[in-house]
Amino acid sequence: MSTEKRDEDGAEGSPSIKRVATYSLLVNMTLVAIKLFLSGVSGSLALRADAVHSLVDVFDSSALMLGLYISERKSKSFPYGLYKVENLISVVISLMLFLTAYEISREAVVGESPPVYGNWILFAVAALIPVPFLFGLYEMRAGKAANSPSLIADGSQFKVDALTESIVLFALIGQRLGLPLDRVAALLIAVFVVKEGWEILKSGMRVLLDASVDAPTLEKIRETIEAEPTVSAVKEVTARNSGRYLFVEAEVALRITDLKRAHQACERIEKDIREKVPYVDRVLIHYEPQSKTQVRYAIPLADTKGEICHHFGEAPYFALVDIDIQQKVVARQDVLANPYLDLIKGRGLKVASFLLNHKPDAVVTRESLSGKGPGYAFAEAGVETLQTDADYLEKLIDQLIIKRP
């Protein structure tokens, strides 16, 4: 199926992911400069560790921009694009977080004891805390809007940075009060960094190893395919992420055999999937004619006792009868109430759509549906329409069992 051109700005109304990545780099460079200055003046181990953390963030943001730049490039060697570069970048970011945790722990264990700090150091650190937290929220929101794993990972890292700066502030306050909290704070920072890195690593590796998308997304795709009237069965649905895009593949059975109409049905399925599931890059539908041992008939009824109604749209009930064509017996029989009985206009098409949701193979009526709206709807969906002179359902079923090969 066709592949739609992607907008670098992501979802409508969302900021450009490349612009957000640039902001990330600038914010990180500013934080590094301020923290290095404060750690040099104060001698704080926790501040120095936090400066190392932000310094790693600078390299991460640079790698992020590189990953976003080349992730959408396609070539003959990479016809499916380089979307997974984003996931690879998110894995690199997680490894950088582990390196940061090591640096922090090493400083906490072997570093020198810090001196007592001045009040202005406390105010400076307190003023820094909201910056990475607010920017992290902004970047994660932009990443979710663009379905970009690397932006989400980088935004999570900013939130960790805000947390570590809070720990640093409490450690500085404790040190000011004579409590040796600087080393403890550095070790706490290492724990949080490792935890965040592990979550990012798991998410990135799942995509790189072609793990399936989450169950709710798969179920939504399956329901969308099943809603297509020409589909008699959905045999298999698989989907995987590649960067922020999805690749969907499905195997279905169609009740129509005409190749042109089957292709049109698959195009409708692809369109519906793209509308209901965001960031789908490719949809590949494998289809084949249905192979059934049972045939489902829909018959309009005048009452629940089985009298067949003379008018399709005005029938208060409909019988759904499944006939086993091998055993020549009724496998199942249900009676449904007509939900559109009181509708004045467009009742016939509404009823036809209602029945199509129950996947009948044939509709049997007393009146002819040829040239009428319901008849066209059933024909388009590959549902056979039959006319009968039987008065009651029981007699009609006997005729169908005998007639069906």
Protein backbone atom coordinates (compact mmCIF):
# COMPACT_ATOMS: atom_id res chain seq x y z
CA MET A 1 0.00 0.00 0.00
CA SER A 2 1.03 3.61 -0.40
CA THR A 3 3.25 5.54 1.98
CA GLU A 4 2.23 9.04 2.97
CA LYS A 5 4.74 11.87 3.09
CA ARG A 6 5.61 12.85 6.64
CA ASP A 7 5.60 16.39 7.97
CA GLU A 8 8.68 17.24 9.97
CA ASP A 9 6.47 19.19 12.35
CA GLY A 10 4.77 15.97 13.48
CA ALA A 11 1.13 16.28 14.48
CA GLU A 12 -0.86 19.29 13.38
CA GLY A 13 -0.24 22.22 15.71
CA SER A 14 2.82 20.65 17.36
CA PRO A 15 6.29 22.23 17.25
CA SER A 16 8.98 20.93 14.94
CA ILE A 17 10.90 18.10 16.59
CA LYS A 18 14.15 19.47 15.17
CA ARG A 19 13.41 22.87 16.68
CA VAL A 20 12.68 21.31 20.07
CA ALA A 21 15.91 19.33 19.84
CA THR A 22 17.78 22.58 19.19
CA TYR A 23 16.17 24.14 22.27
CA SER A 24 17.26 21.08 24.25
CA LEU A 25 20.87 21.54 23.23
CA LEU A 26 20.85 25.26 24.12
CA VAL A 27 19.22 24.67 27.51
CA ASN A 28 21.70 21.91 28.35
CA MET A 29 24.70 24.03 27.37
CA THR A 30 23.42 26.84 29.59
CA LEU A 31 22.86 24.50 32.55
CA VAL A 32 26.32 22.98 32.16
CA ALA A 33 27.99 26.39 32.17
CA ILE A 34 26.09 27.50 35.30
CA LYS A 35 26.64 24.26 37.20
CA LEU A 36 30.35 24.10 36.38
CA PHE A 37 30.72 27.64 37.65
CA LEU A 38 28.78 26.93 40.87
CA SER A 39 30.61 23.65 41.53
CA GLY A 40 33.96 25.34 40.98
CA VAL A 41 33.10 28.12 43.40
CA SER A 42 31.49 25.92 46.08
CA GLY A 43 33.48 22.69 45.75
CA SER A 44 30.25 20.66 46.16
CA LEU A 45 30.53 16.99 45.12
CA ALA A 46 26.81 16.82 44.35
CA LEU A 47 26.95 19.97 42.21
CA ARG A 48 29.98 18.65 40.38
CA ALA A 49 28.21 15.34 39.73
CA ASP A 50 25.16 17.19 38.51
CA ALA A 51 27.33 19.26 36.19
CA VAL A 52 28.75 16.02 34.74
CA HIS A 53 25.18 14.84 34.26
CA SER A 54 24.27 17.95 32.31
CA LEU A 55 27.51 17.74 30.32
CA VAL A 56 26.50 14.27 29.18
CA ASP A 57 23.12 15.76 28.28
CA VAL A 58 24.87 18.12 25.87
CA PHE A 59 26.31 15.17 23.97
CA ASP A 60 22.93 13.43 24.13
CA SER A 61 21.16 16.47 22.67
CA SER A 62 23.74 16.66 19.89
CA ALA A 63 23.22 12.97 19.14
CA LEU A 64 19.46 13.54 19.28
CA MET A 65 19.63 16.25 16.60
CA LEU A 66 21.79 14.00 14.41
CA GLY A 67 19.37 11.10 14.86
CA LEU A 68 16.33 13.21 13.99
CA TYR A 69 18.07 14.61 10.93
CA ILE A 70 18.91 11.24 9.36
CA SER A 71 16.02 9.14 10.73
CA GLU A 72 13.63 10.02 7.86
CA ARG A 73 16.14 9.67 5.04
CA LYS A 74 15.33 6.90 2.56
CA SER A 75 17.48 5.30 -0.11
CA LYS A 76 17.69 2.18 -2.24
CA SER A 77 19.65 0.51 0.53
CA PHE A 78 17.09 1.58 3.17
CA PRO A 79 13.70 1.63 1.39
CA TYR A 80 11.84 1.56 4.71
CA GLY A 81 13.68 4.63 5.95
CA LEU A 82 16.03 5.08 8.90
CA TYR A 83 13.29 5.59 11.47
CA LYS A 84 14.99 3.27 13.97
CA VAL A 85 17.91 5.66 14.26
CA GLU A 86 15.71 7.53 16.75
CA ASN A 87 15.38 4.39 18.86
CA LEU A 88 19.10 3.79 18.57
CA ILE A 89 19.71 7.33 19.81
CA SER A 90 17.39 6.74 22.78
CA VAL A 91 19.44 3.62 23.65
CA VAL A 92 22.64 5.67 23.43
CA ILE A 93 21.07 8.23 25.76
CA SER A 94 20.31 5.46 28.27
CA LEU A 95 23.92 4.25 28.13
CA MET A 96 25.07 7.82 28.71
CA LEU A 97 22.85 7.92 31.78
CA PHE A 98 24.57 4.81 33.13
CA LEU A 99 27.92 6.50 32.54
CA THR A 100 26.64 9.55 34.41
CA ALA A 101 25.59 7.36 37.34
CA TYR A 102 29.08 5.88 37.47
CA GLU A 103 30.69 9.34 37.50
CA ILE A 104 28.37 10.47 40.27
CA SER A 105 29.07 7.38 42.41
CA ARG A 106 32.80 7.67 41.93
CA GLU A 107 32.74 11.31 43.01
CA ALA A 108 30.69 10.40 46.08
CA VAL A 109 33.10 7.66 47.16
CA VAL A 110 36.53 9.13 46.43
CA GLY A 111 35.87 12.90 46.24
CA GLU A 112 37.05 15.38 48.83
CA SER A 113 34.76 16.68 51.58
CA PRO A 114 33.12 19.95 50.47
CA PRO A 115 33.30 23.22 52.43
CA VAL A 116 30.32 25.12 53.86
CA TYR A 117 28.57 27.13 51.14
CA GLY A 118 27.38 30.69 51.05
CA ASN A 119 23.69 31.57 50.89
CA TRP A 120 23.93 32.82 47.33
CA ILE A 121 24.89 29.31 46.18
CA LEU A 122 21.65 28.00 47.68
CA PHE A 123 19.57 30.65 45.92
CA ALA A 124 21.32 29.99 42.61
CA VAL A 125 20.68 26.24 42.76
CA ALA A 126 17.04 26.81 43.82
CA ALA A 127 16.55 29.10 40.82
CA LEU A 128 17.87 26.41 38.46
CA ILE A 129 15.41 23.68 39.49
CA PRO A 130 12.30 24.85 37.57
CA VAL A 131 14.23 25.26 34.30
CA PRO A 132 14.89 21.59 33.41
CA PHE A 133 11.60 20.43 34.93
CA LEU A 134 9.45 22.79 32.86
CA PHE A 135 11.48 22.23 29.71
CA GLY A 136 11.30 18.47 30.26
CA LEU A 137 7.49 18.64 30.41
CA TYR A 138 7.46 20.74 27.25
CA GLU A 139 9.81 18.38 25.40
CA MET A 140 7.91 15.25 26.45
CA ARG A 141 4.62 16.80 25.34
CA ALA A 142 6.18 17.71 21.99
CA GLY A 143 7.66 14.20 21.73
CA LYS A 144 4.29 12.56 22.37
CA ALA A 145 2.61 14.87 19.87
CA ALA A 146 5.17 13.86 17.25
CA ASN A 147 5.39 10.26 18.51
CA SER A 148 9.16 10.70 18.77
CA PRO A 149 10.84 8.26 21.22
CA SER A 150 14.09 10.22 21.26
CA LEU A 151 12.35 13.49 22.21
CA ILE A 152 10.41 11.69 24.95
CA ALA A 153 13.62 10.13 26.23
CA ASP A 154 15.40 13.48 26.23
CA GLY A 155 12.45 15.12 28.02
CA SER A 156 12.53 12.39 30.68
CA GLN A 157 16.19 13.09 31.15
CA PHE A 158 15.46 16.77 31.79
CA LYS A 159 12.95 15.79 34.48
CA VAL A 160 15.62 13.62 36.10
CA ASP A 161 17.91 16.63 35.96
CA ALA A 162 15.35 18.69 37.89
CA LEU A 163 15.11 15.92 40.49
CA THR A 164 18.86 15.69 40.91
CA GLU A 165 19.08 19.46 41.29
CA SER A 166 16.46 19.26 44.06
CA ILE A 167 18.55 16.64 45.84
CA VAL A 168 21.60 18.87 45.42
CA LEU A 169 19.71 21.77 46.99
CA PHE A 170 18.70 19.73 50.04
CA ALA A 171 22.27 18.49 50.37
CA LEU A 172 23.57 22.05 50.27
CA ILE A 173 21.04 23.12 52.90
CA GLY A 174 22.08 20.18 55.08
CA GLN A 175 25.74 21.02 54.63
CA ARG A 176 24.92 24.59 55.64
CA LEU A 177 23.37 23.24 58.84
CA GLY A 178 26.36 21.03 59.57
CA LEU A 179 24.93 17.75 58.21
CA PRO A 180 27.29 15.86 55.84
CA LEU A 181 24.70 15.18 53.13
CA ASP A 182 26.74 16.00 50.04
CA ARG A 183 28.04 12.44 49.46
CA VAL A 184 24.65 10.90 50.25
CA ALA A 185 23.00 13.24 47.77
CA ALA A 186 25.49 12.25 45.08
CA LEU A 187 24.68 8.55 45.58
CA LEU A 188 20.94 9.25 45.49
CA ILE A 189 21.41 11.06 42.19
CA ALA A 190 23.18 7.97 40.83
CA VAL A 191 20.24 5.73 41.80
CA PHE A 192 17.67 7.94 40.05
CA VAL A 193 19.83 8.24 36.96
CA VAL A 194 20.25 4.46 36.68
CA LYS A 195 16.48 3.91 37.05
CA GLU A 196 15.66 6.45 34.34
CA GLY A 197 18.32 5.03 32.03
CA TRP A 198 16.94 1.51 32.44
CA GLU A 199 13.40 2.57 31.45
CA ILE A 200 14.71 4.37 28.35
CA LEU A 201 16.90 1.38 27.43
CA LYS A 202 13.98 -1.06 27.67
CA SER A 203 11.76 1.10 25.49
CA GLY A 204 14.41 1.59 22.81
CA MET A 205 15.49 -2.06 22.71
CA ARG A 206 11.89 -3.28 22.30
CA VAL A 207 11.62 -1.36 19.05
CA LEU A 208 15.09 -2.30 17.82
CA LEU A 209 14.22 -5.96 18.39
CA ASP A 210 10.90 -5.54 16.52
CA ALA A 211 8.68 -6.22 19.51
CA SER A 212 4.96 -5.92 18.84
CA VAL A 213 3.11 -2.70 19.61
CA ASP A 214 0.96 -2.62 22.74
CA ALA A 215 -2.20 -4.74 22.96
CA PRO A 216 -4.71 -1.81 22.88
CA THR A 217 -3.22 -0.52 19.62
CA LEU A 218 -3.33 -3.98 18.05
CA GLU A 219 -6.94 -4.39 19.15
CA LYS A 220 -7.90 -1.03 17.65
CA ILE A 221 -6.32 -2.07 14.34
CA ARG A 222 -8.15 -5.41 14.40
CA GLU A 223 -11.51 -3.73 15.15
CA THR A 224 -10.94 -1.27 12.32
CA ILE A 225 -10.32 -4.10 9.86
CA GLU A 226 -13.31 -6.10 11.09
CA ALA A 227 -15.55 -3.07 10.54
CA GLU A 228 -15.00 -3.34 6.78
CA PRO A 229 -18.15 -5.11 5.44
CA THR A 230 -16.26 -7.18 2.84
CA VAL A 231 -14.03 -8.78 5.49
CA SER A 232 -15.37 -12.14 6.62
CA ALA A 233 -12.47 -12.98 8.94
CA VAL A 234 -9.28 -11.41 10.29
CA LYS A 235 -6.73 -14.20 10.46
CA GLU A 236 -3.73 -12.28 11.78
CA VAL A 237 -2.72 -8.73 12.67
CA THR A 238 0.83 -7.66 13.48
CA ALA A 239 2.34 -4.22 13.99
CA ARG A 240 5.70 -2.88 15.03
CA ASN A 241 7.26 0.47 15.76
CA SER A 242 10.11 1.97 13.79
CA GLY A 243 11.08 5.26 15.35
CA ARG A 244 7.84 7.14 15.88
CA TYR A 245 6.00 5.37 13.03
CA LEU A 246 4.06 2.10 12.83
CA PHE A 247 4.23 -0.66 10.25
CA VAL A 248 1.03 -2.73 10.09
CA GLU A 249 0.50 -6.09 8.41
CA ALA A 250 -2.73 -8.11 8.33
CA GLU A 251 -4.03 -11.29 6.78
CA VAL A 252 -7.76 -11.26 6.04
CA ALA A 253 -10.41 -13.30 4.26
CA LEU A 254 -12.74 -11.41 1.93
CA ARG A 255 -16.17 -12.49 0.81
CA ILE A 256 -15.58 -10.94 -2.63
CA THR A 257 -13.51 -12.56 -5.39
CA ASP A 258 -13.26 -9.69 -7.89
CA LEU A 259 -9.66 -8.44 -7.75
CA LYS A 260 -10.54 -4.81 -8.43
CA ARG A 261 -13.14 -4.69 -5.65
CA ALA A 262 -10.81 -6.57 -3.30
CA HIS A 263 -8.11 -3.96 -3.94
CA GLN A 264 -10.60 -1.17 -3.27
CA ALA A 265 -11.62 -2.84 -0.01
CA CYS A 266 -7.96 -3.01 1.09
CA GLU A 267 -7.54 0.67 0.27
CA ARG A 268 -10.55 1.49 2.46
CA ILE A 269 -9.06 -0.58 5.28
CA GLU A 270 -5.73 1.25 4.97
CA LYS A 271 -7.48 4.64 5.00
CA ASP A 272 -9.52 3.72 8.09
CA ILE A 273 -6.43 2.47 9.95
CA ARG A 274 -4.55 5.70 9.21
CA GLU A 275 -7.50 7.74 10.48
CA LYS A 276 -7.89 5.83 13.75
CA VAL A 277 -4.26 4.98 14.56
CA PRO A 278 -1.71 7.83 14.46
CA TYR A 279 1.70 7.72 12.77
CA VAL A 280 1.14 4.67 10.56
CA ASP A 281 3.76 4.62 7.81
CA ARG A 282 2.80 1.44 5.96
CA VAL A 283 -0.21 -0.88 5.87
CA LEU A 284 0.19 -4.20 4.10
CA ILE A 285 -2.98 -6.29 3.65
CA HIS A 286 -2.75 -9.91 2.51
CA TYR A 287 -6.17 -11.05 1.37
CA GLU A 288 -7.73 -14.23 0.05
CA PRO A 289 -11.29 -15.38 -0.74
CA GLN A 290 -13.20 -16.71 2.24
CA SER A 291 -13.28 -20.45 2.81
CA LYS A 292 -16.23 -21.39 4.99
CA THR A 293 -17.95 -24.49 6.26
CA GLN A 294 -20.93 -22.40 7.37
CA VAL A 295 -23.13 -19.84 5.64
CA ARG A 296 -24.90 -17.07 7.56
CA TYR A 297 -28.29 -15.88 6.32
CA ALA A 298 -30.13 -12.75 7.43
CA ILE A 299 -33.94 -12.86 7.11
CA PRO A 300 -36.45 -10.09 7.99
CA LEU A 301 -39.21 -11.28 10.38
CA ALA A 302 -42.64 -9.86 11.12
CA ASP A 303 -42.61 -11.38 14.63
CA THR A 304 -40.53 -13.60 16.90
CA LYS A 305 -42.59 -16.68 15.93
CA GLY A 306 -40.92 -16.83 12.53
CA GLU A 307 -43.27 -15.16 10.03
CA ILE A 308 -41.19 -13.59 7.26
CA CYS A 309 -41.83 -9.87 6.78
CA HIS A 310 -42.81 -8.63 3.30
CA HIS A 311 -40.79 -5.40 3.63
CA PHE A 312 -37.07 -5.38 4.40
CA GLY A 313 -36.68 -2.02 6.17
CA GLU A 314 -39.98 -2.27 8.05
CA ALA A 315 -39.21 -5.67 9.59
CA PRO A 316 -39.27 -5.42 13.41
CA TYR A 317 -36.89 -8.38 13.71
CA PHE A 318 -34.17 -10.14 11.78
CA ALA A 319 -33.14 -13.76 12.05
CA LEU A 320 -29.48 -14.72 11.72
CA VAL A 321 -29.21 -18.38 10.73
CA ASP A 322 -25.89 -20.20 10.41
CA ILE A 323 -26.15 -23.34 8.27
CA ASP A 324 -23.42 -25.97 8.24
CA ILE A 325 -23.10 -26.70 4.52
CA GLN A 326 -21.30 -30.00 5.13
CA GLN A 327 -23.59 -31.45 7.78
CA LYS A 328 -26.64 -29.66 6.31
CA VAL A 329 -27.92 -28.60 9.72
CA VAL A 330 -28.58 -25.32 11.51
CA ALA A 331 -25.47 -24.56 13.56
CA ARG A 332 -26.86 -21.41 15.19
CA GLN A 333 -29.94 -19.22 15.10
CA ASP A 334 -30.48 -15.76 16.64
CA VAL A 335 -33.18 -13.10 16.44
CA LEU A 336 -32.23 -9.40 16.48
CA ALA A 337 -34.53 -6.42 17.00
CA ASN A 338 -34.48 -3.77 14.28
CA PRO A 339 -32.91 -0.68 15.96
CA TYR A 340 -34.09 1.62 13.13
CA LEU A 341 -37.75 0.59 13.00
CA ASP A 342 -38.97 4.07 13.96
CA LEU A 343 -36.66 5.89 11.55
CA ILE A 344 -38.59 7.69 8.80
CA LYS A 345 -35.88 8.49 6.25
CA GLY A 346 -32.93 6.33 5.21
CA ARG A 347 -34.18 3.35 7.17
CA GLY A 348 -33.28 0.74 4.55
CA LEU A 349 -29.60 1.75 4.35
CA LYS A 350 -29.32 2.00 8.13
CA VAL A 351 -30.75 -1.50 8.51
CA ALA A 352 -28.38 -2.81 5.82
CA SER A 353 -25.42 -1.29 7.64
CA PHE A 354 -26.66 -2.80 10.90
CA LEU A 355 -26.85 -6.27 9.34
CA LEU A 356 -23.45 -5.95 7.68
CA ASN A 357 -21.92 -5.55 11.14
CA HIS A 358 -23.10 -9.10 11.81
CA LYS A 359 -21.27 -10.43 8.73
CA PRO A 360 -24.03 -12.24 6.81
CA ASP A 361 -23.13 -14.15 3.65
CA ALA A 362 -26.60 -13.75 2.17
CA VAL A 363 -29.79 -11.79 2.83
CA VAL A 364 -33.11 -13.47 2.01
CA THR A 365 -36.22 -11.28 1.56
CA ARG A 366 -39.77 -11.50 0.24
CA GLU A 367 -39.34 -8.28 -1.77
CA SER A 368 -36.66 -7.72 -4.39
CA LEU A 369 -33.75 -5.50 -3.31
CA SER A 370 -32.51 -5.05 -6.88
CA GLY A 371 -32.00 -1.39 -7.73
CA LYS A 372 -32.55 -0.27 -4.13
CA GLY A 373 -30.13 1.25 -1.64
CA PRO A 374 -29.84 -1.83 0.62
CA GLY A 375 -29.29 -4.02 -2.44
CA TYR A 376 -26.38 -1.85 -3.59
CA ALA A 377 -24.91 -1.84 -0.06
CA PHE A 378 -25.03 -5.63 0.15
CA ALA A 379 -23.60 -6.05 -3.35
CA GLU A 380 -20.72 -3.69 -2.54
CA ALA A 381 -19.92 -5.76 0.55
CA GLY A 382 -20.06 -9.02 -1.41
CA VAL A 383 -23.24 -10.19 0.33
CA GLU A 384 -25.59 -12.25 -1.81
CA THR A 385 -29.26 -11.16 -1.95
CA LEU A 386 -31.93 -13.82 -2.48
CA GLN A 387 -35.69 -13.62 -2.89
CA THR A 388 -38.10 -16.18 -1.45
CA ASP A 389 -41.82 -16.93 -1.46
CA ALA A 390 -41.68 -18.80 1.86
CA ASP A 391 -44.03 -17.47 4.54
CA TYR A 392 -42.22 -18.79 7.61
CA LEU A 393 -38.63 -19.10 8.68
CA GLU A 394 -38.80 -22.83 9.31
CA LYS A 395 -39.89 -23.53 5.74
CA LEU A 396 -37.22 -21.21 4.35
CA ILE A 397 -34.48 -22.92 6.36
CA ASP A 398 -35.52 -26.32 4.95
CA GLN A 399 -35.33 -24.87 1.44
CA LEU A 400 -31.89 -23.35 2.07
CA ILE A 401 -30.50 -26.59 3.50
CA ILE A 402 -31.73 -28.57 0.51
CA LYS A 403 -30.66 -25.98 -2.04
CA ARG A 404 -27.18 -25.28 -0.65
CA PRO A 405 -24.53 -27.54 -2.17
